[in-house]
Protein backbone atom coordinates (compact mmCIF):
# COMPACT_ATOMS: atom_id res chain seq x y z
CA MET A 1 -129.02 98.60 29.92
CA ILE A 2 -128.56 95.00 29.41
CA TYR A 3 -130.70 94.64 26.24
CA ILE A 4 -129.17 97.74 24.84
CA SER A 5 -125.63 95.87 25.75
CA ILE A 6 -126.46 92.58 23.98
CA LEU A 7 -128.04 94.36 20.82
CA ILE A 8 -124.80 96.34 20.38
CA SER A 9 -122.45 93.45 20.99
CA ILE A 10 -124.66 91.20 18.61
CA ILE A 11 -124.50 93.75 15.98
CA TYR A 12 -120.65 94.37 16.19
CA LEU A 13 -119.76 90.47 16.60
CA ALA A 14 -122.02 89.77 13.51
CA LEU A 15 -120.21 92.58 11.45
CA ILE A 16 -116.79 91.46 12.41
CA MET A 17 -117.53 87.88 11.44
CA ALA A 18 -119.12 88.81 8.42
CA PHE A 19 -115.51 90.59 7.66
CA ILE A 20 -113.63 87.31 8.47
CA ILE A 21 -115.80 85.31 6.18
CA GLY A 22 -115.75 88.35 3.58
CA PHE A 23 -111.95 87.94 3.64
CA GLU A 24 -111.65 84.49 2.85
CA LYS A 25 -114.32 84.82 0.06
CA VAL A 26 -112.08 87.10 -1.98
CA GLU A 27 -110.10 85.19 -4.13
CA THR A 28 -106.00 85.68 -3.94
CA VAL A 29 -104.82 86.70 -7.10
CA LYS A 30 -101.35 85.00 -8.31
CA ASN A 31 -98.97 86.41 -10.86
CA ASN A 32 -99.20 84.47 -14.10
CA ASP A 33 -97.15 86.56 -16.19
CA THR A 34 -99.82 87.98 -18.48
CA VAL A 35 -98.36 89.90 -21.30
CA PRO A 36 -97.72 93.78 -20.48
CA LYS A 37 -100.53 95.60 -22.35
CA ASN A 38 -102.02 98.34 -20.38
CA ARG A 39 -100.39 101.79 -19.77
CA PHE A 40 -100.12 103.32 -16.41
CA SER A 41 -99.67 106.72 -14.99
CA ILE A 42 -98.03 106.57 -11.63
CA VAL A 43 -99.23 109.88 -9.44
CA ILE A 44 -97.44 110.78 -6.27
CA PRO A 45 -98.24 113.98 -4.75
CA PHE A 46 -95.57 115.03 -2.00
CA ARG A 47 -94.78 117.60 0.44
CA ASN A 48 -91.54 117.81 2.42
CA GLU A 49 -90.65 114.21 1.79
CA ALA A 50 -87.18 114.27 1.00
CA HIS A 51 -86.45 111.87 3.70
CA ASN A 52 -88.85 109.15 2.06
CA LEU A 53 -88.42 109.88 -1.75
CA PRO A 54 -84.86 107.66 -2.24
CA GLY A 55 -86.71 104.43 -0.82
CA LEU A 56 -90.14 105.24 -3.10
CA LEU A 57 -88.06 106.12 -6.23
CA LYS A 58 -85.68 103.16 -5.83
CA SER A 59 -88.73 100.85 -5.62
CA ILE A 60 -90.09 102.25 -8.72
CA SER A 61 -86.87 102.08 -10.68
CA ILE A 62 -86.95 98.25 -10.49
CA ILE A 63 -90.49 97.99 -11.37
CA ASN A 64 -90.86 94.75 -13.42
CA TYR A 65 -92.90 96.34 -16.24
CA PRO A 66 -91.94 97.66 -19.75
CA SER A 67 -90.65 101.13 -19.14
CA ASP A 68 -92.48 102.49 -22.17
CA LEU A 69 -95.76 101.46 -20.83
CA PHE A 70 -95.82 103.58 -17.48
CA GLU A 71 -94.80 107.32 -16.61
CA ILE A 72 -94.17 108.55 -13.17
CA LEU A 73 -95.75 111.86 -12.18
CA LEU A 74 -94.54 113.38 -8.94
CA VAL A 75 -96.38 116.43 -7.97
CA ASN A 76 -94.77 118.88 -5.55
CA ASP A 77 -97.24 120.57 -3.09
CA ASP A 78 -95.11 123.52 -2.13
CA SER A 79 -92.26 121.50 -0.40
CA GLN A 80 -89.46 123.38 1.43
CA ASP A 81 -86.78 120.87 1.84
CA TYR A 82 -84.20 119.13 -0.54
CA PHE A 83 -86.58 117.19 -2.75
CA ASN A 84 -84.93 118.60 -5.89
CA LEU A 85 -81.41 116.80 -5.03
CA ILE A 86 -83.12 113.51 -4.81
CA ILE A 87 -85.16 113.92 -7.95
CA GLU A 88 -82.24 115.04 -9.85
CA GLU A 89 -80.16 112.31 -8.79
CA PHE A 90 -82.88 109.82 -9.56
CA THR A 91 -83.30 111.09 -13.20
CA ASN A 92 -79.65 111.11 -13.70
CA ARG A 93 -79.27 107.52 -12.71
CA ASN A 94 -82.66 106.41 -14.74
CA PRO A 95 -82.59 107.99 -17.72
CA SER A 96 -84.82 105.52 -19.72
CA LEU A 97 -87.73 106.18 -17.13
CA ASN A 98 -90.79 108.43 -18.33
CA PHE A 99 -90.56 110.89 -15.54
CA GLN A 100 -92.14 114.20 -15.02
CA LEU A 101 -91.95 116.91 -12.02
CA LEU A 102 -95.15 118.92 -11.81
CA LYS A 103 -96.14 121.56 -9.44
CA ASN A 104 -99.59 121.54 -7.58
CA ILE A 105 -102.11 124.06 -8.98
CA ARG A 106 -104.02 124.60 -5.74
CA LYS A 107 -108.00 125.17 -6.47
CA THR A 108 -109.51 123.77 -3.48
CA ASN A 109 -109.29 123.35 0.31
CA SER A 110 -107.48 119.86 -0.54
CA PRO A 111 -104.04 120.00 -1.59
CA LYS A 112 -103.68 116.25 -2.24
CA LYS A 113 -106.80 116.06 -4.53
CA ASP A 114 -105.43 119.39 -6.25
CA ALA A 115 -102.25 117.55 -6.79
CA ILE A 116 -103.73 114.42 -8.03
CA ASN A 117 -105.88 116.45 -10.59
CA SER A 118 -102.76 118.24 -11.72
CA ALA A 119 -101.19 115.29 -12.57
CA ILE A 120 -104.21 113.46 -14.29
CA ASN A 121 -104.87 116.36 -16.46
CA LEU A 122 -101.21 116.00 -17.88
CA SER A 123 -101.17 112.29 -17.64
CA ASN A 124 -100.67 110.38 -20.97
CA PHE A 125 -101.75 106.73 -20.25
CA GLU A 126 -105.35 105.24 -19.60
CA TRP A 127 -104.84 104.02 -16.18
CA ILE A 128 -104.04 106.02 -13.14
CA VAL A 129 -102.18 104.31 -10.17
CA THR A 130 -101.61 106.33 -6.97
CA THR A 131 -99.37 106.03 -4.00
CA ASP A 132 -97.68 108.07 -1.35
CA ALA A 133 -94.40 109.51 -1.33
CA ASP A 134 -93.68 107.58 1.92
CA CYS A 135 -94.40 104.40 0.36
CA VAL A 136 -92.33 101.36 -1.15
CA VAL A 137 -93.93 99.70 -4.10
CA PRO A 138 -93.66 95.94 -4.78
CA VAL A 139 -91.49 94.88 -8.01
CA ASN A 140 -94.53 93.15 -9.84
CA TRP A 141 -96.99 96.09 -8.60
CA LEU A 142 -98.09 97.09 -12.53
CA LYS A 143 -97.93 93.57 -13.48
CA LEU A 144 -100.61 92.49 -11.17
CA PHE A 145 -102.62 95.47 -12.08
CA ASN A 146 -102.45 94.63 -15.89
CA GLN A 147 -103.39 91.21 -14.94
CA PHE A 148 -106.25 92.00 -12.99
CA ILE A 149 -107.31 94.61 -15.62
CA GLU A 150 -107.20 92.03 -18.43
CA ASN A 151 -108.99 89.48 -16.08
CA GLU A 152 -111.48 91.50 -14.38
CA ASN A 153 -112.49 94.44 -16.64
CA PRO A 154 -112.71 96.76 -13.62
CA VAL A 155 -112.55 100.69 -13.65
CA PHE A 156 -111.34 100.96 -9.86
CA ILE A 157 -109.18 98.73 -8.30
CA SER A 158 -108.01 98.82 -4.35
CA ALA A 159 -105.00 97.04 -3.32
CA PRO A 160 -103.61 96.12 0.16
CA VAL A 161 -101.23 98.52 2.17
CA LYS A 162 -99.12 97.52 5.02
CA PHE A 163 -96.67 98.93 7.66
CA SER A 164 -92.79 98.62 7.19
CA ILE A 165 -91.87 96.93 10.46
CA GLN A 166 -90.71 98.86 13.36
CA ASN A 167 -90.31 98.01 17.03
CA SER A 168 -91.97 100.22 19.65
CA LEU A 169 -95.32 100.45 21.64
CA LEU A 170 -96.38 103.43 19.45
CA PHE A 171 -95.66 101.01 16.11
CA HIS A 172 -97.45 98.01 17.45
CA PHE A 173 -100.44 100.09 18.44
CA GLN A 174 -100.79 101.64 15.06
CA ASN A 175 -99.84 98.34 13.19
CA LEU A 176 -102.70 96.25 15.21
CA ASN A 177 -105.13 99.18 14.17
CA PHE A 178 -104.10 99.57 10.63
CA THR A 179 -104.18 95.93 10.15
CA SER A 180 -107.81 95.52 11.48
CA LEU A 181 -108.73 98.26 9.03
CA MET A 182 -107.19 96.74 6.21
CA GLY A 183 -108.83 93.38 7.21
CA SER A 184 -112.25 95.33 7.34
CA THR A 185 -111.41 96.72 3.75
CA LEU A 186 -110.79 93.43 2.54
CA GLY A 187 -113.58 91.67 4.30
CA GLY A 188 -116.09 94.55 2.72
CA PHE A 189 -115.38 93.83 -0.72
CA GLY A 190 -115.84 90.04 0.22
CA ILE A 191 -119.33 90.47 1.44
CA GLY A 192 -119.97 92.97 -1.57
CA ASN A 193 -120.02 96.02 0.52
CA PRO A 194 -116.72 98.05 -0.39
CA PHE A 195 -116.69 100.92 2.10
CA MET A 196 -112.72 101.56 2.66
CA CYS A 197 -109.87 101.83 0.39
CA ASN A 198 -106.38 103.33 0.84
CA GLY A 199 -105.02 106.09 -1.81
CA ALA A 200 -101.69 104.75 -1.27
CA ASN A 201 -102.27 101.71 -3.32
CA LEU A 202 -105.38 102.37 -5.89
CA CYS A 203 -105.62 102.21 -9.71
CA TYR A 204 -108.59 103.59 -11.71
CA HIS A 205 -109.36 104.30 -15.27
CA ASN A 206 -108.52 107.82 -16.74
CA GLU A 207 -111.61 108.31 -18.69
CA THR A 208 -114.09 107.02 -15.85
CA PHE A 209 -112.36 109.81 -13.48
CA PHE A 210 -113.38 112.57 -15.97
CA GLU A 211 -116.59 111.08 -16.61
CA LEU A 212 -117.63 111.10 -12.88
CA LYS A 213 -116.00 114.70 -12.59
CA GLY A 214 -113.10 113.64 -10.31
CA PHE A 215 -113.39 114.78 -6.80
CA GLU A 216 -115.97 117.28 -7.58
CA GLY A 217 -118.40 117.50 -4.63
CA ASN A 218 -116.06 116.71 -1.91
CA ALA A 219 -113.15 119.05 -2.80
CA ASN A 220 -113.79 121.05 0.21
CA ILE A 221 -112.91 117.95 2.51
CA ALA A 222 -108.98 117.96 2.81
CA SER A 223 -108.73 114.29 2.84
CA GLY A 224 -110.68 111.54 1.11
CA ASP A 225 -109.19 111.44 -2.40
CA ASP A 226 -109.45 107.72 -1.91
CA ILE A 227 -112.96 106.77 -0.37
CA PHE A 228 -115.08 109.58 -1.90
CA LEU A 229 -113.62 108.44 -5.32
CA MET A 230 -114.50 104.80 -4.68
CA GLU A 231 -117.92 105.90 -3.43
CA LYS A 232 -118.63 107.72 -6.94
CA MET A 233 -117.29 104.83 -8.90
CA LEU A 234 -119.44 102.38 -6.83
CA ARG A 235 -122.81 104.50 -7.60
CA ILE A 236 -122.27 104.48 -11.52
CA TYR A 237 -120.28 101.05 -11.82
CA PRO A 238 -121.08 98.92 -8.80
CA LYS A 239 -119.93 95.63 -10.30
CA LYS A 240 -116.46 97.20 -11.76
CA VAL A 241 -115.02 98.26 -8.44
CA LYS A 242 -112.87 95.49 -7.47
CA LEU A 243 -110.14 94.41 -4.84
CA LEU A 244 -106.83 93.06 -5.77
CA LYS A 245 -105.91 90.63 -2.88
CA SER A 246 -102.33 89.77 -4.00
CA GLU A 247 -99.22 89.32 -1.76
CA GLU A 248 -97.20 90.62 -4.86
CA ALA A 249 -99.39 94.01 -5.04
CA ILE A 250 -98.91 94.91 -1.25
CA VAL A 251 -97.43 98.51 -0.90
CA GLU A 252 -95.47 99.21 2.41
CA THR A 253 -95.79 102.77 4.02
CA ASN A 254 -94.45 104.27 7.37
CA ALA A 255 -96.61 104.36 10.57
CA GLU A 256 -96.34 107.75 12.40
CA ASN A 257 -93.30 108.22 14.50
CA THR A 258 -94.93 110.26 17.44
CA TRP A 259 -98.13 109.99 19.20
CA LYS A 260 -99.28 113.43 18.46
CA LEU A 261 -98.95 112.80 14.53
CA PHE A 262 -100.66 109.56 14.96
CA ILE A 263 -103.57 111.04 16.90
CA ASN A 264 -103.79 113.71 14.09
CA GLN A 265 -103.98 111.38 11.43
CA GLN A 266 -106.76 109.47 13.07
CA ILE A 267 -108.72 112.86 13.59
CA ARG A 268 -108.43 113.38 9.90
CA TRP A 269 -109.64 109.94 9.04
CA ALA A 270 -112.47 110.07 11.45
CA SER A 271 -113.74 113.47 10.43
CA LYS A 272 -114.42 112.58 6.81
CA SER A 273 -116.68 109.90 7.60
CA ALA A 274 -119.37 112.19 8.56
CA SER A 275 -119.18 113.12 4.60
CA TYR A 276 -119.42 109.39 3.47
CA LYS A 277 -122.23 108.60 1.09
CA SER A 278 -122.15 104.94 2.07
CA ILE A 279 -124.86 104.23 4.57
CA PHE A 280 -122.89 100.91 5.16
CA ALA A 281 -119.63 102.85 5.91
CA LYS A 282 -121.58 104.87 8.33
CA PHE A 283 -123.15 101.85 10.02
CA VAL A 284 -119.67 100.33 10.38
CA GLY A 285 -118.38 103.42 11.93
CA ILE A 286 -121.35 103.75 14.55
CA ALA A 287 -121.03 100.08 15.35
CA VAL A 288 -117.39 100.28 16.09
CA PHE A 289 -117.59 103.42 18.23
CA SER A 290 -120.71 101.94 20.05
CA GLU A 291 -118.90 98.62 20.91
CA ASN A 292 -115.76 100.35 22.31
CA LEU A 293 -117.93 102.93 24.38
CA LEU A 294 -120.03 99.97 25.52
CA VAL A 295 -116.87 98.14 26.75
CA LEU A 296 -115.61 101.42 28.75
CA VAL A 297 -119.13 102.08 30.27
CA LEU A 298 -119.49 98.34 31.34
CA GLY A 299 -116.12 98.41 32.74
CA ILE A 300 -116.84 101.62 34.77
CA TYR A 301 -120.22 100.18 35.82
CA ALA A 302 -118.40 96.89 37.02
CA MET A 303 -115.81 98.95 39.11
CA LEU A 304 -118.74 100.70 40.71
CA PHE A 305 -120.85 97.50 41.24
CA PRO A 306 -118.62 94.59 41.46
CA GLN A 307 -121.42 91.95 41.28
CA ASN A 308 -121.77 93.06 37.56
CA TRP A 309 -118.34 92.16 36.31
CA LEU A 310 -119.55 89.11 34.56
CA TYR A 311 -121.16 91.49 31.78
CA PHE A 312 -118.05 93.32 31.34
CA ILE A 313 -115.91 90.24 30.94
CA LEU A 314 -118.26 88.53 28.67
CA VAL A 315 -118.57 91.70 26.19
CA PHE A 316 -115.05 92.26 26.26
CA THR A 317 -113.87 88.71 26.01
CA LEU A 318 -115.85 88.18 22.87
CA LYS A 319 -115.03 91.46 21.48
CA ILE A 320 -111.20 90.59 21.71
CA ILE A 321 -111.78 87.14 20.30
CA VAL A 322 -113.47 88.14 17.11
CA ASP A 323 -111.18 91.16 16.51
CA PHE A 324 -108.24 88.96 16.79
CA MET A 325 -109.41 86.66 14.47
CA LEU A 326 -109.81 89.28 11.76
CA ILE A 327 -106.44 90.90 12.77
CA ALA A 328 -104.45 87.60 12.72
CA GLN A 329 -105.96 86.47 9.45
CA THR A 330 -104.95 89.61 7.73
CA ALA A 331 -101.52 89.91 9.41
CA VAL A 332 -100.65 86.54 8.15
CA PHE A 333 -101.84 87.43 4.52
CA LEU A 334 -99.73 90.86 4.98
CA LYS A 335 -96.79 88.85 6.16
CA ASN A 336 -96.75 91.35 9.08
CA THR A 337 -97.18 89.20 12.41
CA LYS A 338 -94.85 90.50 14.72
CA SER A 339 -97.38 92.98 16.44
CA LEU A 340 -99.75 90.11 17.43
CA LYS A 341 -97.95 89.47 20.68
CA TYR A 342 -98.75 92.78 21.83
CA TYR A 343 -102.60 92.21 20.87
CA LEU A 344 -103.97 91.58 24.39
CA PHE A 345 -102.29 94.83 26.14
CA VAL A 346 -103.35 97.04 22.94
CA SER A 347 -106.71 95.50 23.41
CA PHE A 348 -107.40 97.29 26.99
CA LEU A 349 -106.22 100.51 25.57
CA TYR A 350 -108.05 100.43 22.31
CA PRO A 351 -111.60 101.27 23.50
CA PHE A 352 -110.27 104.46 25.30
CA PHE A 353 -108.58 105.52 21.80
CA ILE A 354 -111.31 104.82 19.82
CA VAL A 355 -113.63 106.93 22.08
CA TYR A 356 -111.47 109.68 22.31
CA ILE A 357 -110.63 109.79 18.87
CA GLY A 358 -114.47 109.70 18.04
CA CYS A 359 -115.14 112.57 20.25
CA LEU A 360 -112.21 114.71 19.03
CA SER A 361 -113.15 114.19 15.46
CA LEU A 362 -116.45 115.89 15.95
CA PHE A 363 -115.02 119.49 16.65
CA LYS A 364 -111.23 119.27 16.80
CA ASN A 365 -109.30 120.96 13.58
CA TYR A 366 -106.19 118.95 12.46
CA GLU A 367 -102.81 119.48 10.97
CA TRP A 368 -101.56 117.69 7.82
CA LYS A 369 -98.31 118.13 6.26
CA GLY A 370 -97.75 121.39 8.12
CA ARG A 371 -100.89 123.04 7.54
CA SER A 372 -104.15 123.31 9.49
CA PHE A 373 -107.45 122.49 8.63
CA LYS A 374 -110.77 123.00 9.87
CA LYS A 375 -113.47 120.58 11.05
């Protein structure tokens, strides 16, 4: 038991320290006003997002990039709300923008992948940029992508995402969890092992998408329009999958507003991990689950045998120290530090949460955008 505990802890601590070092190794990109040259098709699938669309569309309308070099492709995935009124008002106010409202053509078990495919098939420009309807994009978003493309010659670009600030225990729990994921994402790129990305802020080459046959091979999995595509790109173009680490390229999204929605989201994210092709991604998942399970087991063991409290305290203390280093580092970059003061409290809940989600993801179905999906 002791030797297994030591091994799990050493592996976990080494992994998080690697992410911390990797995070710093990724160069931060500053806007240098590179001449706009590349053309972008912004693809946004949506379903019943009328309450979020005004914020997204307003942010797109003030993007600092020539309007003839980008188009906006909104893909309606069977929405039942008043989205038409929102879009009509937007197009009337912004007649100069190249805008298309498309209908999702369903072909697979993944509505979102179908929506992205529907848009890409009708896109006119060479670079696809994806975000979500509950997001707000930064004003220099496309300028940074253009600059990065000119300097780095990538085929796939992952960029950072953060939560819009709220004030509740649920938000701070989600925010700390999401910040750790974003830190791990950046750290993974920094150590040369990209294993995560977020579809709310991606850019990839249109021709390369078709060359690799898009989402073929994982269309049966409802989510994963981001990571599965990145894994495909990595297999063929390992040196051309890049991370754009820039404060001016951070997309903001909303946290879930109920525990039920949050848990459903986490089950959905965890469920797809079994289908990852990346051995490193699976290794990270196992290491994180094992460390959190170890903390729970040692805590229970210490309560049953109080003379063994030292093992629990040592493992838990080292864990929360390295976790905080990664989360704080990432929060400072994202300028999203408000939740850090809740870190210690959340740290006591987190092992229960990770083990709970990990177990549920093995067999529980989940809901997404009003639809049920089987494991």
